[in-house]
Amino acid sequence: MKVLMINGSPHKEGNTATALQEMKKVFEQEGIEAEIVNIGNDAIRGCVACGACRKLGKCVYDDLVNEIAPKFEEADGLVVGSPVYYASANASLVAVLDRLFHSTGFVKTMKVGAGVVVARRGGLSATFDELNKYFTISGMPVASSQYWNSVHGAAPGEASRDLEGMQTMRVLARNMTFLMKSIQLGKEKFGLPETEPKTPTNFIR
């Protein structure tokens, strides 16, 4: 089984990376293949709602988003980690997620999602809610831990001193592993849930 982990921080070795690495160790102990992809300092365009992805099968902007897409399709779970800026996620990460979820047509139902947020002090719960919306609009069960999936730290390396935060990451990884394995068994026995054709309804006539 595979987990794709997206580090939404511009700092490859920052506190968001520390939190994700703590999870990655548990995944590997549990026999789950885990890969961390770093957003870094790449220039990422936001979605412009051009609709080209419906024809091309990928985003018209051929950058990191199109590199991540096949990894996401193969994965059984997705972990998205973000530093907290003004009580919200990193703007580059939001651009990646908007385009990744919009431009990919593969079924995401029952892939397990988990958001991880890292801050010096505040804005964690708002950012956590922001990340979870990508999962819940896509039929993806959301993995939880013993506390909201958050870690505190400012200077690089400080996150490792947040003992409760690190424990929360380990518990999250174990819970996510259990969910993924349970869903795999369920798919083998029962298949995916029945789907209906979408009925889009606009509120302006």
Protein backbone atom coordinates (compact mmCIF):
# COMPACT_ATOMS: atom_id res chain seq x y z
CA MET A 1 0.00 0.00 0.00
CA LYS A 2 1.10 3.57 -0.67
CA VAL A 3 0.75 6.95 0.98
CA LEU A 4 1.56 10.20 -0.78
CA MET A 5 2.68 12.95 1.58
CA ILE A 6 2.78 16.57 0.40
CA ASN A 7 4.98 19.00 2.30
CA GLY A 8 3.39 22.37 1.63
CA SER A 9 6.17 24.35 3.28
CA PRO A 10 8.77 26.29 1.30
CA HIS A 11 11.31 24.95 3.81
CA LYS A 12 12.28 21.39 2.90
CA GLU A 13 13.77 20.73 6.36
CA GLY A 14 11.39 22.86 8.43
CA ASN A 15 8.90 21.92 11.12
CA THR A 16 6.26 20.69 8.66
CA ALA A 17 8.84 18.24 7.34
CA THR A 18 9.60 17.15 10.92
CA ALA A 19 5.92 16.33 11.50
CA LEU A 20 5.62 14.41 8.23
CA GLN A 21 8.85 12.49 8.85
CA GLU A 22 7.47 11.33 12.21
CA MET A 23 4.47 9.88 10.37
CA LYS A 24 6.62 8.40 7.61
CA LYS A 25 8.62 6.35 10.13
CA VAL A 26 5.41 4.77 11.42
CA PHE A 27 4.08 4.08 7.92
CA GLU A 28 7.28 2.26 7.02
CA GLN A 29 7.17 0.25 10.25
CA GLU A 30 3.63 -0.79 9.29
CA GLY A 31 4.70 -1.88 5.81
CA ILE A 32 3.23 1.15 4.03
CA GLU A 33 5.27 2.76 1.26
CA ALA A 34 5.39 6.50 1.91
CA GLU A 35 6.75 9.25 -0.33
CA ILE A 36 7.14 12.90 0.63
CA VAL A 37 6.83 15.47 -2.16
CA ASN A 38 8.02 18.99 -1.39
CA ILE A 39 6.28 22.06 -2.79
CA GLY A 40 9.40 24.08 -2.01
CA ASN A 41 9.86 27.46 -3.63
CA ASP A 42 8.51 26.53 -7.07
CA ALA A 43 6.30 29.11 -8.74
CA ILE A 44 2.86 27.49 -8.74
CA ARG A 45 0.00 29.02 -10.72
CA GLY A 46 -3.45 29.05 -9.23
CA CYS A 47 -6.41 27.52 -11.05
CA VAL A 48 -7.87 29.90 -13.68
CA ALA A 49 -11.00 27.80 -14.33
CA CYS A 50 -10.13 27.45 -18.02
CA GLY A 51 -11.66 23.96 -18.29
CA ALA A 52 -8.78 22.67 -20.42
CA CYS A 53 -8.18 19.76 -18.01
CA ARG A 54 -11.50 18.22 -19.12
CA LYS A 55 -10.09 17.87 -22.63
CA LEU A 56 -6.45 17.19 -21.81
CA GLY A 57 -6.95 14.89 -18.84
CA LYS A 58 -4.41 16.97 -16.94
CA CYS A 59 -3.85 20.58 -15.93
CA VAL A 60 -2.93 22.94 -18.76
CA TYR A 61 -0.05 24.26 -16.63
CA ASP A 62 2.53 21.49 -16.84
CA ASP A 63 4.31 21.79 -13.52
CA LEU A 64 4.49 20.01 -10.16
CA VAL A 65 0.72 19.42 -10.15
CA ASN A 66 0.92 17.09 -13.15
CA GLU A 67 3.91 15.32 -11.58
CA ILE A 68 1.97 14.68 -8.39
CA ALA A 69 -1.26 13.56 -10.09
CA PRO A 70 -0.21 9.97 -11.02
CA LYS A 71 1.30 9.50 -7.55
CA PHE A 72 -2.01 10.55 -6.02
CA GLU A 73 -3.92 8.18 -8.31
CA GLU A 74 -1.77 5.22 -7.22
CA ALA A 75 -1.88 6.08 -3.53
CA ASP A 76 -4.23 4.61 -0.95
CA GLY A 77 -3.90 7.69 1.20
CA LEU A 78 -2.91 11.34 1.01
CA VAL A 79 -1.30 13.38 3.79
CA VAL A 80 -1.14 17.13 3.27
CA GLY A 81 1.09 19.12 5.59
CA SER A 82 1.07 22.90 5.77
CA PRO A 83 2.65 25.65 7.80
CA VAL A 84 0.13 28.19 9.07
CA TYR A 85 0.21 31.67 7.52
CA TYR A 86 -2.39 34.18 8.72
CA ALA A 87 -4.58 31.33 10.03
CA SER A 88 -4.55 29.63 6.64
CA ALA A 89 -2.48 27.27 4.53
CA ASN A 90 0.51 28.26 2.44
CA ALA A 91 -0.82 29.89 -0.76
CA SER A 92 1.39 27.76 -3.01
CA LEU A 93 0.00 24.62 -1.40
CA VAL A 94 -3.58 25.84 -1.89
CA ALA A 95 -2.81 26.46 -5.58
CA VAL A 96 -1.45 22.92 -5.89
CA LEU A 97 -4.45 21.35 -4.16
CA ASP A 98 -7.03 23.40 -6.09
CA ARG A 99 -5.56 22.32 -9.40
CA LEU A 100 -4.73 18.76 -8.32
CA PHE A 101 -8.24 17.97 -7.15
CA HIS A 102 -9.94 19.84 -10.00
CA SER A 103 -7.86 18.56 -12.91
CA THR A 104 -7.75 14.86 -12.00
CA GLY A 105 -10.70 12.75 -13.09
CA PHE A 106 -9.78 9.50 -11.33
CA VAL A 107 -11.97 8.19 -8.51
CA LYS A 108 -10.81 9.43 -5.12
CA THR A 109 -13.57 7.71 -3.17
CA MET A 110 -12.21 5.82 -0.14
CA LYS A 111 -8.66 7.09 -0.47
CA VAL A 112 -7.85 8.15 3.09
CA GLY A 113 -6.95 11.79 3.67
CA ALA A 114 -5.18 13.52 6.55
CA GLY A 115 -4.28 17.16 7.00
CA VAL A 116 -1.34 18.14 9.20
CA VAL A 117 -0.80 21.73 10.31
CA VAL A 118 2.21 23.36 11.96
CA ALA A 119 2.39 26.79 13.59
CA ARG A 120 4.34 28.82 16.08
CA ARG A 121 1.18 29.40 18.08
CA GLY A 122 -2.28 30.08 16.59
CA GLY A 123 -4.39 29.53 13.48
CA LEU A 124 -4.03 25.76 13.54
CA SER A 125 -7.69 24.75 13.67
CA ALA A 126 -8.70 27.13 10.86
CA THR A 127 -5.98 25.74 8.59
CA PHE A 128 -6.84 22.16 9.57
CA ASP A 129 -10.47 22.77 8.54
CA GLU A 130 -9.29 24.29 5.26
CA LEU A 131 -7.28 21.20 4.32
CA ASN A 132 -10.03 18.75 5.28
CA LYS A 133 -12.43 20.33 2.78
CA TYR A 134 -10.43 18.88 -0.11
CA PHE A 135 -10.99 15.37 1.24
CA THR A 136 -14.62 15.69 2.20
CA ILE A 137 -15.72 16.98 -1.21
CA SER A 138 -14.04 13.97 -2.84
CA GLY A 139 -15.50 11.01 -0.96
CA MET A 140 -12.28 10.54 1.01
CA PRO A 141 -12.53 9.36 4.64
CA VAL A 142 -10.58 11.62 6.96
CA ALA A 143 -8.08 10.07 9.39
CA SER A 144 -7.99 11.41 12.92
CA SER A 145 -5.64 11.14 15.87
CA GLN A 146 -5.80 11.65 19.64
CA TYR A 147 -5.98 15.43 19.09
CA TRP A 148 -6.34 17.72 16.09
CA ASN A 149 -3.52 16.95 13.67
CA SER A 150 -1.30 19.82 14.72
CA VAL A 151 2.24 20.50 15.89
CA HIS A 152 3.85 23.62 17.33
CA GLY A 153 7.24 25.01 16.41
CA ALA A 154 8.80 28.20 15.06
CA ALA A 155 12.55 27.82 14.51
CA PRO A 156 13.56 24.78 12.43
CA GLY A 157 13.64 21.68 14.61
CA GLU A 158 11.43 23.03 17.37
CA ALA A 159 8.55 20.76 16.32
CA SER A 160 10.50 17.73 17.58
CA ARG A 161 10.31 19.23 21.08
CA ASP A 162 6.49 19.30 20.96
CA LEU A 163 6.16 15.84 22.48
CA GLU A 164 2.37 15.79 22.34
CA GLY A 165 2.44 16.96 18.73
CA MET A 166 4.89 14.23 17.73
CA GLN A 167 2.79 11.64 19.52
CA THR A 168 -0.27 12.95 17.69
CA MET A 169 1.57 12.38 14.40
CA ARG A 170 2.45 8.79 15.31
CA VAL A 171 -1.10 7.99 16.41
CA LEU A 172 -2.41 9.59 13.21
CA ALA A 173 -0.16 7.41 11.08
CA ARG A 174 -1.25 4.25 12.89
CA ASN A 175 -4.93 5.17 12.63
CA MET A 176 -4.53 6.03 8.95
CA THR A 177 -2.79 2.71 8.33
CA PHE A 178 -5.66 0.86 10.00
CA LEU A 179 -8.21 2.73 7.91
CA MET A 180 -6.40 2.07 4.63
CA LYS A 181 -5.99 -1.62 5.35
CA SER A 182 -9.61 -1.94 6.49
CA ILE A 183 -10.88 -0.16 3.39
CA GLN A 184 -8.76 -2.41 1.19
CA LEU A 185 -10.37 -5.46 2.77
CA GLY A 186 -13.79 -3.89 2.36
CA LYS A 187 -13.18 -3.14 -1.32
CA GLU A 188 -12.10 -6.74 -1.91
CA LYS A 189 -15.26 -8.11 -0.27
CA PHE A 190 -17.89 -5.47 -1.06
CA GLY A 191 -16.43 -3.15 -3.68
CA LEU A 192 -16.74 0.62 -3.60
CA PRO A 193 -20.04 2.25 -2.59
CA GLU A 194 -22.66 2.56 -5.30
CA THR A 195 -22.46 5.86 -7.15
CA GLU A 196 -25.18 8.03 -8.65
CA PRO A 197 -24.91 10.44 -11.56
CA LYS A 198 -24.19 13.88 -10.15
CA THR A 199 -27.08 16.32 -10.04
CA PRO A 200 -25.49 19.79 -10.08
CA THR A 201 -27.94 22.41 -8.91
CA ASN A 202 -27.35 26.13 -9.29
CA PHE A 203 -29.24 28.51 -7.04
CA ILE A 204 -29.59 31.26 -9.62
CA ARG A 205 -32.24 30.70 -12.28
